[in-house]
Amino acid sequence: MAEFNQEAKADAGKPQLTLVPRRIIWDIAAIRMYGNIKYGDPENWRTVEVSRYRDAAFRHFLAYLDDPAAVDEESGLPHLWHLACNISFLCEMEGRK
């Protein structure tokens, strides 16, 4: 990584969020929008037990492995997107503080 002038902007060691592929943000947002319509509360996911997100992630992962182009029967959205969303919830709930 190139060294930059830290006197002009002290950002050494801060995450470079632009390294995250943008597609995953759009995919998770689509699942979140579906969930917000279904459940009516954008924060209700925080009240669900971690084990249920682990199970959901695993179900969507297995469905994705069986057919990478498959979509969830209920939402009509790709299993891979559901998997990404469930993993994002797990990262938030179990991630380092």
PDB file of N, CA and C in Angstrom:
ATOM      1  N   MET A   1       0.850  -1.173   0.000  1.00  0.00           N
ATOM      2  CA  MET A   1       0.000   0.000   0.000  1.00  0.00           C
ATOM      3  C   MET A   1       0.894   1.234   0.000  1.00  0.00           C
ATOM      4  N   ALA A   2       0.545   2.213  -0.782  1.00  0.00           N
ATOM      5  CA  ALA A   2       1.326   3.441  -0.880  1.00  0.00           C
ATOM      6  C   ALA A   2       1.233   4.231   0.417  1.00  0.00           C
ATOM      7  N   GLU A   3       2.297   4.900   0.724  1.00  0.00           N
ATOM      8  CA  GLU A   3       2.319   5.774   1.898  1.00  0.00           C
ATOM      9  C   GLU A   3       1.796   7.148   1.477  1.00  0.00           C
ATOM     10  N   PHE A   4       0.923   7.716   2.299  1.00  0.00           N
ATOM     11  CA  PHE A   4       0.345   9.013   1.993  1.00  0.00           C
ATOM     12  C   PHE A   4       0.716   9.999   3.082  1.00  0.00           C
ATOM     13  N   ASN A   5       0.628  11.275   2.745  1.00  0.00           N
ATOM     14  CA  ASN A   5       0.911  12.352   3.676  1.00  0.00           C
ATOM     15  C   ASN A   5      -0.130  12.351   4.781  1.00  0.00           C
ATOM     16  N   GLN A   6       0.257  11.953   5.976  1.00  0.00           N
ATOM     17  CA  GLN A   6      -0.674  11.889   7.098  1.00  0.00           C
ATOM     18  C   GLN A   6      -0.864  13.248   7.767  1.00  0.00           C
ATOM     19  N   GLU A   7      -0.038  14.216   7.410  1.00  0.00           N
ATOM     20  CA  GLU A   7      -0.234  15.563   7.953  1.00  0.00           C
ATOM     21  C   GLU A   7      -1.448  16.224   7.316  1.00  0.00           C
ATOM     22  N   ALA A   8      -1.693  15.947   6.045  1.00  0.00           N
ATOM     23  CA  ALA A   8      -2.831  16.542   5.352  1.00  0.00           C
ATOM     24  C   ALA A   8      -4.135  15.849   5.737  1.00  0.00           C
ATOM     25  N   LYS A   9      -4.064  14.548   5.978  1.00  0.00           N
ATOM     26  CA  LYS A   9      -5.258  13.776   6.359  1.00  0.00           C
ATOM     27  C   LYS A   9      -4.783  12.537   7.093  1.00  0.00           C
ATOM     28  N   ALA A  10      -5.076  12.474   8.375  1.00  0.00           N
ATOM     29  CA  ALA A  10      -4.629  11.360   9.215  1.00  0.00           C
ATOM     30  C   ALA A  10      -5.608  10.202   9.118  1.00  0.00           C
ATOM     31  N   ASP A  11      -5.403   9.327   8.133  1.00  0.00           N
ATOM     32  CA  ASP A  11      -6.301   8.192   7.969  1.00  0.00           C
ATOM     33  C   ASP A  11      -5.566   6.854   7.923  1.00  0.00           C
ATOM     34  N   ALA A  12      -4.305   6.852   8.324  1.00  0.00           N
ATOM     35  CA  ALA A  12      -3.545   5.605   8.344  1.00  0.00           C
ATOM     36  C   ALA A  12      -4.219   4.600   9.274  1.00  0.00           C
ATOM     37  N   GLY A  13      -4.350   3.369   8.794  1.00  0.00           N
ATOM     38  CA  GLY A  13      -4.941   2.315   9.601  1.00  0.00           C
ATOM     39  C   GLY A  13      -6.457   2.260   9.567  1.00  0.00           C
ATOM     40  N   LYS A  14      -7.098   3.232   8.944  1.00  0.00           N
ATOM     41  CA  LYS A  14      -8.563   3.217   8.852  1.00  0.00           C
ATOM     42  C   LYS A  14      -8.978   2.318   7.684  1.00  0.00           C
ATOM     43  N   PRO A  15     -10.117   1.663   7.818  1.00  0.00           N
ATOM     44  CA  PRO A  15     -10.543   0.766   6.738  1.00  0.00           C
ATOM     45  C   PRO A  15     -10.807   1.519   5.438  1.00  0.00           C
ATOM     46  N   GLN A  16     -10.405   0.915   4.347  1.00  0.00           N
ATOM     47  CA  GLN A  16     -10.686   1.462   3.025  1.00  0.00           C
ATOM     48  C   GLN A  16     -11.971   0.809   2.529  1.00  0.00           C
ATOM     49  N   LEU A  17     -13.079   1.412   2.854  1.00  0.00           N
ATOM     50  CA  LEU A  17     -14.377   0.834   2.526  1.00  0.00           C
ATOM     51  C   LEU A  17     -14.617   0.723   1.026  1.00  0.00           C
ATOM     52  N   THR A  18     -13.895   1.500   0.252  1.00  0.00           N
ATOM     53  CA  THR A  18     -14.043   1.413  -1.199  1.00  0.00           C
ATOM     54  C   THR A  18     -13.473   0.100  -1.746  1.00  0.00           C
ATOM     55  N   LEU A  19     -12.812  -0.686  -0.912  1.00  0.00           N
ATOM     56  CA  LEU A  19     -12.320  -1.998  -1.333  1.00  0.00           C
ATOM     57  C   LEU A  19     -13.427  -3.054  -1.333  1.00  0.00           C
ATOM     58  N   VAL A  20     -14.533  -2.766  -0.660  1.00  0.00           N
ATOM     59  CA  VAL A  20     -15.652  -3.705  -0.608  1.00  0.00           C
ATOM     60  C   VAL A  20     -16.383  -3.663  -1.945  1.00  0.00           C
ATOM     61  N   PRO A  21     -16.596  -4.827  -2.553  1.00  0.00           N
ATOM     62  CA  PRO A  21     -17.341  -4.825  -3.818  1.00  0.00           C
ATOM     63  C   PRO A  21     -18.731  -4.218  -3.628  1.00  0.00           C
ATOM     64  N   ARG A  22     -19.084  -3.297  -4.479  1.00  0.00           N
ATOM     65  CA  ARG A  22     -20.349  -2.562  -4.341  1.00  0.00           C
ATOM     66  C   ARG A  22     -21.568  -3.442  -4.559  1.00  0.00           C
ATOM     67  N   ARG A  23     -21.452  -4.462  -5.364  1.00  0.00           N
ATOM     68  CA  ARG A  23     -22.605  -5.317  -5.692  1.00  0.00           C
ATOM     69  C   ARG A  23     -23.235  -5.902  -4.437  1.00  0.00           C
ATOM     70  N   ILE A  24     -22.412  -6.308  -3.473  1.00  0.00           N
ATOM     71  CA  ILE A  24     -22.961  -6.934  -2.268  1.00  0.00           C
ATOM     72  C   ILE A  24     -23.817  -5.947  -1.479  1.00  0.00           C
ATOM     73  N   ILE A  25     -23.495  -4.689  -1.523  1.00  0.00           N
ATOM     74  CA  ILE A  25     -24.291  -3.673  -0.823  1.00  0.00           C
ATOM     75  C   ILE A  25     -25.678  -3.583  -1.461  1.00  0.00           C
ATOM     76  N   TRP A  26     -25.732  -3.554  -2.785  1.00  0.00           N
ATOM     77  CA  TRP A  26     -27.019  -3.512  -3.495  1.00  0.00           C
ATOM     78  C   TRP A  26     -27.829  -4.776  -3.221  1.00  0.00           C
ATOM     79  N   ASP A  27     -27.148  -5.929  -3.208  1.00  0.00           N
ATOM     80  CA  ASP A  27     -27.842  -7.201  -2.992  1.00  0.00           C
ATOM     81  C   ASP A  27     -28.443  -7.287  -1.594  1.00  0.00           C
ATOM     82  N   ILE A  28     -27.677  -6.898  -0.605  1.00  0.00           N
ATOM     83  CA  ILE A  28     -28.184  -6.906   0.778  1.00  0.00           C
ATOM     84  C   ILE A  28     -29.317  -5.894   0.922  1.00  0.00           C
ATOM     85  N   ALA A  29     -29.178  -4.744   0.285  1.00  0.00           N
ATOM     86  CA  ALA A  29     -30.241  -3.732   0.361  1.00  0.00           C
ATOM     87  C   ALA A  29     -31.547  -4.264  -0.217  1.00  0.00           C
ATOM     88  N   ALA A  30     -31.481  -5.028  -1.288  1.00  0.00           N
ATOM     89  CA  ALA A  30     -32.701  -5.592  -1.883  1.00  0.00           C
ATOM     90  C   ALA A  30     -33.382  -6.551  -0.898  1.00  0.00           C
ATOM     91  N   ILE A  31     -32.599  -7.366  -0.209  1.00  0.00           N
ATOM     92  CA  ILE A  31     -33.157  -8.293   0.775  1.00  0.00           C
ATOM     93  C   ILE A  31     -33.735  -7.518   1.957  1.00  0.00           C
ATOM     94  N   ARG A  32     -33.041  -6.486   2.394  1.00  0.00           N
ATOM     95  CA  ARG A  32     -33.521  -5.675   3.517  1.00  0.00           C
ATOM     96  C   ARG A  32     -34.829  -4.975   3.157  1.00  0.00           C
ATOM     97  N   MET A  33     -34.942  -4.488   1.938  1.00  0.00           N
ATOM     98  CA  MET A  33     -36.183  -3.837   1.511  1.00  0.00           C
ATOM     99  C   MET A  33     -37.332  -4.845   1.510  1.00  0.00           C
ATOM    100  N   TYR A  34     -37.069  -6.049   1.026  1.00  0.00           N
ATOM    101  CA  TYR A  34     -38.083  -7.102   1.059  1.00  0.00           C
ATOM    102  C   TYR A  34     -38.483  -7.383   2.509  1.00  0.00           C
ATOM    103  N   GLY A  35     -37.510  -7.524   3.389  1.00  0.00           N
ATOM    104  CA  GLY A  35     -37.786  -7.792   4.798  1.00  0.00           C
ATOM    105  C   GLY A  35     -38.547  -6.667   5.475  1.00  0.00           C
ATOM    106  N   ASN A  36     -38.248  -5.447   5.117  1.00  0.00           N
ATOM    107  CA  ASN A  36     -38.956  -4.307   5.708  1.00  0.00           C
ATOM    108  C   ASN A  36     -40.426  -4.299   5.302  1.00  0.00           C
ATOM    109  N   ILE A  37     -40.706  -4.686   4.061  1.00  0.00           N
ATOM    110  CA  ILE A  37     -42.099  -4.784   3.618  1.00  0.00           C
ATOM    111  C   ILE A  37     -42.788  -5.945   4.343  1.00  0.00           C
ATOM    112  N   LYS A  38     -42.100  -7.068   4.453  1.00  0.00           N
ATOM    113  CA  LYS A  38     -42.685  -8.261   5.061  1.00  0.00           C
ATOM    114  C   LYS A  38     -42.947  -8.088   6.556  1.00  0.00           C
ATOM    115  N   TYR A  39     -41.972  -7.498   7.270  1.00  0.00           N
ATOM    116  CA  TYR A  39     -42.069  -7.418   8.731  1.00  0.00           C
ATOM    117  C   TYR A  39     -42.440  -6.037   9.253  1.00  0.00           C
ATOM    118  N   GLY A  40     -42.310  -5.004   8.437  1.00  0.00           N
ATOM    119  CA  GLY A  40     -42.762  -3.677   8.816  1.00  0.00           C
ATOM    120  C   GLY A  40     -41.881  -2.899   9.772  1.00  0.00           C
ATOM    121  N   ASP A  41     -40.734  -3.448  10.125  1.00  0.00           N
ATOM    122  CA  ASP A  41     -39.844  -2.765  11.074  1.00  0.00           C
ATOM    123  C   ASP A  41     -38.405  -2.991  10.636  1.00  0.00           C
ATOM    124  N   PRO A  42     -37.710  -1.945  10.217  1.00  0.00           N
ATOM    125  CA  PRO A  42     -36.345  -2.138   9.728  1.00  0.00           C
ATOM    126  C   PRO A  42     -35.345  -2.610  10.792  1.00  0.00           C
ATOM    127  N   GLU A  43     -35.734  -2.555  12.041  1.00  0.00           N
ATOM    128  CA  GLU A  43     -34.817  -2.975  13.111  1.00  0.00           C
ATOM    129  C   GLU A  43     -35.218  -4.293  13.769  1.00  0.00           C
ATOM    130  N   ASN A  44     -36.287  -4.937  13.290  1.00  0.00           N
ATOM    131  CA  ASN A  44     -36.744  -6.166  13.951  1.00  0.00           C
ATOM    132  C   ASN A  44     -35.724  -7.292  13.878  1.00  0.00           C
ATOM    133  N   TRP A  45     -34.835  -7.264  12.901  1.00  0.00           N
ATOM    134  CA  TRP A  45     -33.832  -8.315  12.768  1.00  0.00           C
ATOM    135  C   TRP A  45     -32.953  -8.419  14.010  1.00  0.00           C
ATOM    136  N   ARG A  46     -32.836  -7.325  14.740  1.00  0.00           N
ATOM    137  CA  ARG A  46     -31.993  -7.321  15.949  1.00  0.00           C
ATOM    138  C   ARG A  46     -32.615  -8.127  17.090  1.00  0.00           C
ATOM    139  N   THR A  47     -33.893  -8.475  16.968  1.00  0.00           N
ATOM    140  CA  THR A  47     -34.578  -9.203  18.029  1.00  0.00           C
ATOM    141  C   THR A  47     -34.589 -10.721  17.792  1.00  0.00           C
ATOM    142  N   VAL A  48     -34.016 -11.150  16.692  1.00  0.00           N
ATOM    143  CA  VAL A  48     -34.007 -12.564  16.327  1.00  0.00           C
ATOM    144  C   VAL A  48     -32.743 -13.219  16.891  1.00  0.00           C
ATOM    145  N   GLU A  49     -32.899 -14.452  17.358  1.00  0.00           N
ATOM    146  CA  GLU A  49     -31.770 -15.179  17.933  1.00  0.00           C
ATOM    147  C   GLU A  49     -30.715 -15.459  16.860  1.00  0.00           C
ATOM    148  N   VAL A  50     -29.460 -15.368  17.253  1.00  0.00           N
ATOM    149  CA  VAL A  50     -28.336 -15.601  16.342  1.00  0.00           C
ATOM    150  C   VAL A  50     -28.457 -16.970  15.676  1.00  0.00           C
ATOM    151  N   SER A  51     -28.857 -17.978  16.428  1.00  0.00           N
ATOM    152  CA  SER A  51     -28.937 -19.338  15.872  1.00  0.00           C
ATOM    153  C   SER A  51     -29.885 -19.406  14.676  1.00  0.00           C
ATOM    154  N   ARG A  52     -30.916 -18.591  14.672  1.00  0.00           N
ATOM    155  CA  ARG A  52     -31.864 -18.607  13.558  1.00  0.00           C
ATOM    156  C   ARG A  52     -31.238 -18.031  12.292  1.00  0.00           C
ATOM    157  N   TYR A  53     -30.364 -17.025  12.438  1.00  0.00           N
ATOM    158  CA  TYR A  53     -29.651 -16.504  11.272  1.00  0.00           C
ATOM    159  C   TYR A  53     -28.621 -17.497  10.779  1.00  0.00           C
ATOM    160  N   ARG A  54     -27.989 -18.236  11.689  1.00  0.00           N
ATOM    161  CA  ARG A  54     -27.053 -19.284  11.266  1.00  0.00           C
ATOM    162  C   ARG A  54     -27.795 -20.329  10.434  1.00  0.00           C
ATOM    163  N   ASP A  55     -28.962 -20.762  10.926  1.00  0.00           N
ATOM    164  CA  ASP A  55     -29.749 -21.756  10.193  1.00  0.00           C
ATOM    165  C   ASP A  55     -30.203 -21.219   8.839  1.00  0.00           C
ATOM    166  N   ALA A  56     -30.694 -19.991   8.812  1.00  0.00           N
ATOM    167  CA  ALA A  56     -31.159 -19.393   7.559  1.00  0.00           C
ATOM    168  C   ALA A  56     -30.000 -19.268   6.565  1.00  0.00           C
ATOM    169  N   ALA A  57     -28.853 -18.823   7.046  1.00  0.00           N
ATOM    170  CA  ALA A  57     -27.687 -18.691   6.168  1.00  0.00           C
ATOM    171  C   ALA A  57     -27.316 -20.050   5.580  1.00  0.00           C
ATOM    172  N   PHE A  58     -27.349 -21.070   6.423  1.00  0.00           N
ATOM    173  CA  PHE A  58     -26.986 -22.405   5.957  1.00  0.00           C
ATOM    174  C   PHE A  58     -27.991 -22.927   4.926  1.00  0.00           C
ATOM    175  N   ARG A  59     -29.282 -22.706   5.175  1.00  0.00           N
ATOM    176  CA  ARG A  59     -30.306 -23.126   4.200  1.00  0.00           C
ATOM    177  C   ARG A  59     -30.098 -22.441   2.850  1.00  0.00           C
ATOM    178  N   HIS A  60     -29.858 -21.132   2.881  1.00  0.00           N
ATOM    179  CA  HIS A  60     -29.658 -20.400   1.630  1.00  0.00           C
ATOM    180  C   HIS A  60     -28.353 -20.811   0.956  1.00  0.00           C
ATOM    181  N   PHE A  61     -27.328 -21.114   1.738  1.00  0.00           N
ATOM    182  CA  PHE A  61     -26.055 -21.554   1.169  1.00  0.00           C
ATOM    183  C   PHE A  61     -26.234 -22.902   0.467  1.00  0.00           C
ATOM    184  N   LEU A  62     -26.924 -23.838   1.110  1.00  0.00           N
ATOM    185  CA  LEU A  62     -27.154 -25.141   0.491  1.00  0.00           C
ATOM    186  C   LEU A  62     -27.981 -25.003  -0.783  1.00  0.00           C
ATOM    187  N   ALA A  63     -28.989 -24.148  -0.749  1.00  0.00           N
ATOM    188  CA  ALA A  63     -29.806 -23.917  -1.940  1.00  0.00           C
ATOM    189  C   ALA A  63     -28.955 -23.311  -3.058  1.00  0.00           C
ATOM    190  N   TYR A  64     -28.078 -22.397  -2.697  1.00  0.00           N
ATOM    191  CA  TYR A  64     -27.174 -21.780  -3.678  1.00  0.00           C
ATOM    192  C   TYR A  64     -26.223 -22.824  -4.263  1.00  0.00           C
ATOM    193  N   LEU A  65     -25.692 -23.700  -3.413  1.00  0.00           N
ATOM    194  CA  LEU A  65     -24.784 -24.733  -3.917  1.00  0.00           C
ATOM    195  C   LEU A  65     -25.491 -25.687  -4.871  1.00  0.00           C
ATOM    196  N   ASP A  66     -26.748 -25.995  -4.566  1.00  0.00           N
ATOM    197  CA  ASP A  66     -27.523 -26.875  -5.440  1.00  0.00           C
ATOM    198  C   ASP A  66     -27.778 -26.234  -6.803  1.00  0.00           C
ATOM    199  N   ASP A  67     -27.993 -24.917  -6.804  1.00  0.00           N
ATOM    200  CA  ASP A  67     -28.269 -24.201  -8.053  1.00  0.00           C
ATOM    201  C   ASP A  67     -27.911 -22.732  -7.854  1.00  0.00           C
ATOM    202  N   PRO A  68     -26.720 -22.321  -8.299  1.00  0.00           N
ATOM    203  CA  PRO A  68     -26.289 -20.934  -8.090  1.00  0.00           C
ATOM    204  C   PRO A  68     -27.230 -19.871  -8.651  1.00  0.00           C
ATOM    205  N   ALA A  69     -28.089 -20.230  -9.590  1.00  0.00           N
ATOM    206  CA  ALA A  69     -29.024 -19.261 -10.169  1.00  0.00           C
ATOM    207  C   ALA A  69     -30.393 -19.298  -9.491  1.00  0.00           C
ATOM    208  N   ALA A  70     -30.564 -20.171  -8.509  1.00  0.00           N
ATOM    209  CA  ALA A  70     -31.878 -20.336  -7.877  1.00  0.00           C
ATOM    210  C   ALA A  70     -32.274 -19.117  -7.057  1.00  0.00           C
ATOM    211  N   VAL A  71     -33.579 -18.927  -6.976  1.00  0.00           N
ATOM    212  CA  VAL A  71     -34.128 -17.846  -6.164  1.00  0.00           C
ATOM    213  C   VAL A  71     -34.965 -18.436  -5.038  1.00  0.00           C
ATOM    214  N   ASP A  72     -35.074 -17.686  -3.973  1.00  0.00           N
ATOM    215  CA  ASP A  72     -35.913 -18.059  -2.843  1.00  0.00           C
ATOM    216  C   ASP A  72     -37.366 -18.085  -3.302  1.00  0.00           C
ATOM    217  N   GLU A  73     -38.064 -19.145  -2.946  1.00  0.00           N
ATOM    218  CA  GLU A  73     -39.450 -19.317  -3.398  1.00  0.00           C
ATOM    219  C   GLU A  73     -40.366 -18.192  -2.906  1.00  0.00           C
ATOM    220  N   GLU A  74     -40.182 -17.765  -1.670  1.00  0.00           N
ATOM    221  CA  GLU A  74     -41.074 -16.752  -1.094  1.00  0.00           C
ATOM    222  C   GLU A  74     -40.798 -15.354  -1.636  1.00  0.00           C
ATOM    223  N   SER A  75     -39.534 -14.961  -1.630  1.00  0.00           N
ATOM    224  CA  SER A  75     -39.194 -13.585  -2.008  1.00  0.00           C
ATOM    225  C   SER A  75     -38.977 -13.405  -3.505  1.00  0.00           C
ATOM    226  N   GLY A  76     -38.578 -14.475  -4.189  1.00  0.00           N
ATOM    227  CA  GLY A  76     -38.223 -14.363  -5.599  1.00  0.00           C
ATOM    228  C   GLY A  76     -36.842 -13.769  -5.817  1.00  0.00           C
ATOM    229  N   LEU A  77     -36.085 -13.603  -4.739  1.00  0.00           N
ATOM    230  CA  LEU A  77     -34.738 -13.026  -4.810  1.00  0.00           C
ATOM    231  C   LEU A  77     -33.699 -14.139  -4.654  1.00  0.00           C
ATOM    232  N   PRO A  78     -32.517 -13.955  -5.219  1.00  0.00           N
ATOM    233  CA  PRO A  78     -31.503 -15.010  -5.201  1.00  0.00           C
ATOM    234  C   PRO A  78     -31.122 -15.472  -3.784  1.00  0.00           C
ATOM    235  N   HIS A  79     -30.915 -16.783  -3.672  1.00  0.00           N
ATOM    236  CA  HIS A  79     -30.461 -17.342  -2.396  1.00  0.00           C
ATOM    237  C   HIS A  79     -29.141 -16.704  -1.967  1.00  0.00           C
ATOM    238  N   LEU A  80     -28.276 -16.418  -2.929  1.00  0.00           N
ATOM    239  CA  LEU A  80     -26.983 -15.812  -2.601  1.00  0.00           C
ATOM    240  C   LEU A  80     -27.164 -14.467  -1.900  1.00  0.00           C
ATOM    241  N   TRP A  81     -28.146 -13.691  -2.315  1.00  0.00           N
ATOM    242  CA  TRP A  81     -28.407 -12.398  -1.677  1.00  0.00           C
ATOM    243  C   TRP A  81     -28.915 -12.599  -0.250  1.00  0.00           C
ATOM    244  N   HIS A  82     -29.793 -13.587  -0.074  1.00  0.00           N
ATOM    245  CA  HIS A  82     -30.278 -13.897   1.273  1.00  0.00           C
ATOM    246  C   HIS A  82     -29.113 -14.343   2.157  1.00  0.00           C
ATOM    247  N   LEU A  83     -28.242 -15.164   1.606  1.00  0.00           N
ATOM    248  CA  LEU A  83     -27.067 -15.613   2.348  1.00  0.00           C
ATOM    249  C   LEU A  83     -26.221 -14.419   2.783  1.00  0.00           C
ATOM    250  N   ALA A  84     -25.968 -13.506   1.867  1.00  0.00           N
ATOM    251  CA  ALA A  84     -25.165 -12.320   2.184  1.00  0.00           C
ATOM    252  C   ALA A  84     -25.810 -11.497   3.292  1.00  0.00           C
ATOM    253  N   CYS A  85     -27.116 -11.346   3.229  1.00  0.00           N
ATOM    254  CA  CYS A  85     -27.825 -10.566   4.243  1.00  0.00           C
ATOM    255  C   CYS A  85     -27.740 -11.248   5.603  1.00  0.00           C
ATOM    256  N   ASN A  86     -27.964 -12.565   5.631  1.00  0.00           N
ATOM    257  CA  ASN A  86     -27.864 -13.290   6.893  1.00  0.00           C
ATOM    258  C   ASN A  86     -26.462 -13.198   7.473  1.00  0.00           C
ATOM    259  N   ILE A  87     -25.467 -13.296   6.635  1.00  0.00           N
ATOM    260  CA  ILE A  87     -24.088 -13.173   7.114  1.00  0.00           C
ATOM    261  C   ILE A  87     -23.832 -11.765   7.627  1.00  0.00           C
ATOM    262  N   SER A  88     -24.405 -10.759   6.967  1.00  0.00           N
ATOM    263  CA  SER A  88     -24.218  -9.386   7.460  1.00  0.00           C
ATOM    264  C   SER A  88     -24.828  -9.224   8.846  1.00  0.00           C
ATOM    265  N   PHE A  89     -26.003  -9.842   9.073  1.00  0.00           N
ATOM    266  CA  PHE A  89     -26.608  -9.807  10.400  1.00  0.00           C
ATOM    267  C   PHE A  89     -25.697 -10.493  11.416  1.00  0.00           C
ATOM    268  N   LEU A  90     -25.158 -11.660  11.051  1.00  0.00           N
ATOM    269  CA  LEU A  90     -24.273 -12.378  11.962  1.00  0.00           C
ATOM    270  C   LEU A  90     -23.008 -11.576  12.260  1.00  0.00           C
ATOM    271  N   CYS A  91     -22.461 -10.936  11.241  1.00  0.00           N
ATOM    272  CA  CYS A  91     -21.269 -10.100  11.463  1.00  0.00           C
ATOM    273  C   CYS A  91     -21.577  -8.976  12.443  1.00  0.00           C
ATOM    274  N   GLU A  92     -22.744  -8.385  12.290  1.00  0.00           N
ATOM    275  CA  GLU A  92     -23.146  -7.291  13.183  1.00  0.00           C
ATOM    276  C   GLU A  92     -23.382  -7.804  14.601  1.00  0.00           C
ATOM    277  N   MET A  93     -24.040  -8.943  14.727  1.00  0.00           N
ATOM    278  CA  MET A  93     -24.418  -9.458  16.035  1.00  0.00           C
ATOM    279  C   MET A  93     -23.260 -10.142  16.770  1.00  0.00           C
ATOM    280  N   GLU A  94     -22.366 -10.759  16.028  1.00  0.00           N
ATOM    281  CA  GLU A  94     -21.291 -11.530  16.651  1.00  0.00           C
ATOM    282  C   GLU A  94     -19.904 -10.931  16.423  1.00  0.00           C
ATOM    283  N   GLY A  95     -19.854  -9.851  15.660  1.00  0.00           N
ATOM    284  CA  GLY A  95     -18.569  -9.263  15.326  1.00  0.00           C
ATOM    285  C   GLY A  95     -17.863  -8.662  16.523  1.00  0.00           C
ATOM    286  N   ARG A  96     -16.611  -8.419  16.306  1.00  0.00           N
ATOM    287  CA  ARG A  96     -15.807  -7.775  17.352  1.00  0.00           C
ATOM    288  C   ARG A  96     -16.348  -6.385  17.613  1.00  0.00           C
ATOM    289  N   LYS A  97     -16.365  -6.021  18.861  1.00  0.00           N
ATOM    290  CA  LYS A  97     -16.863  -4.698  19.255  1.00  0.00           C
ATOM    291  C   LYS A  97     -15.752  -3.677  19.130  1.00  0.00           C
TER     292      LYS A  97
END
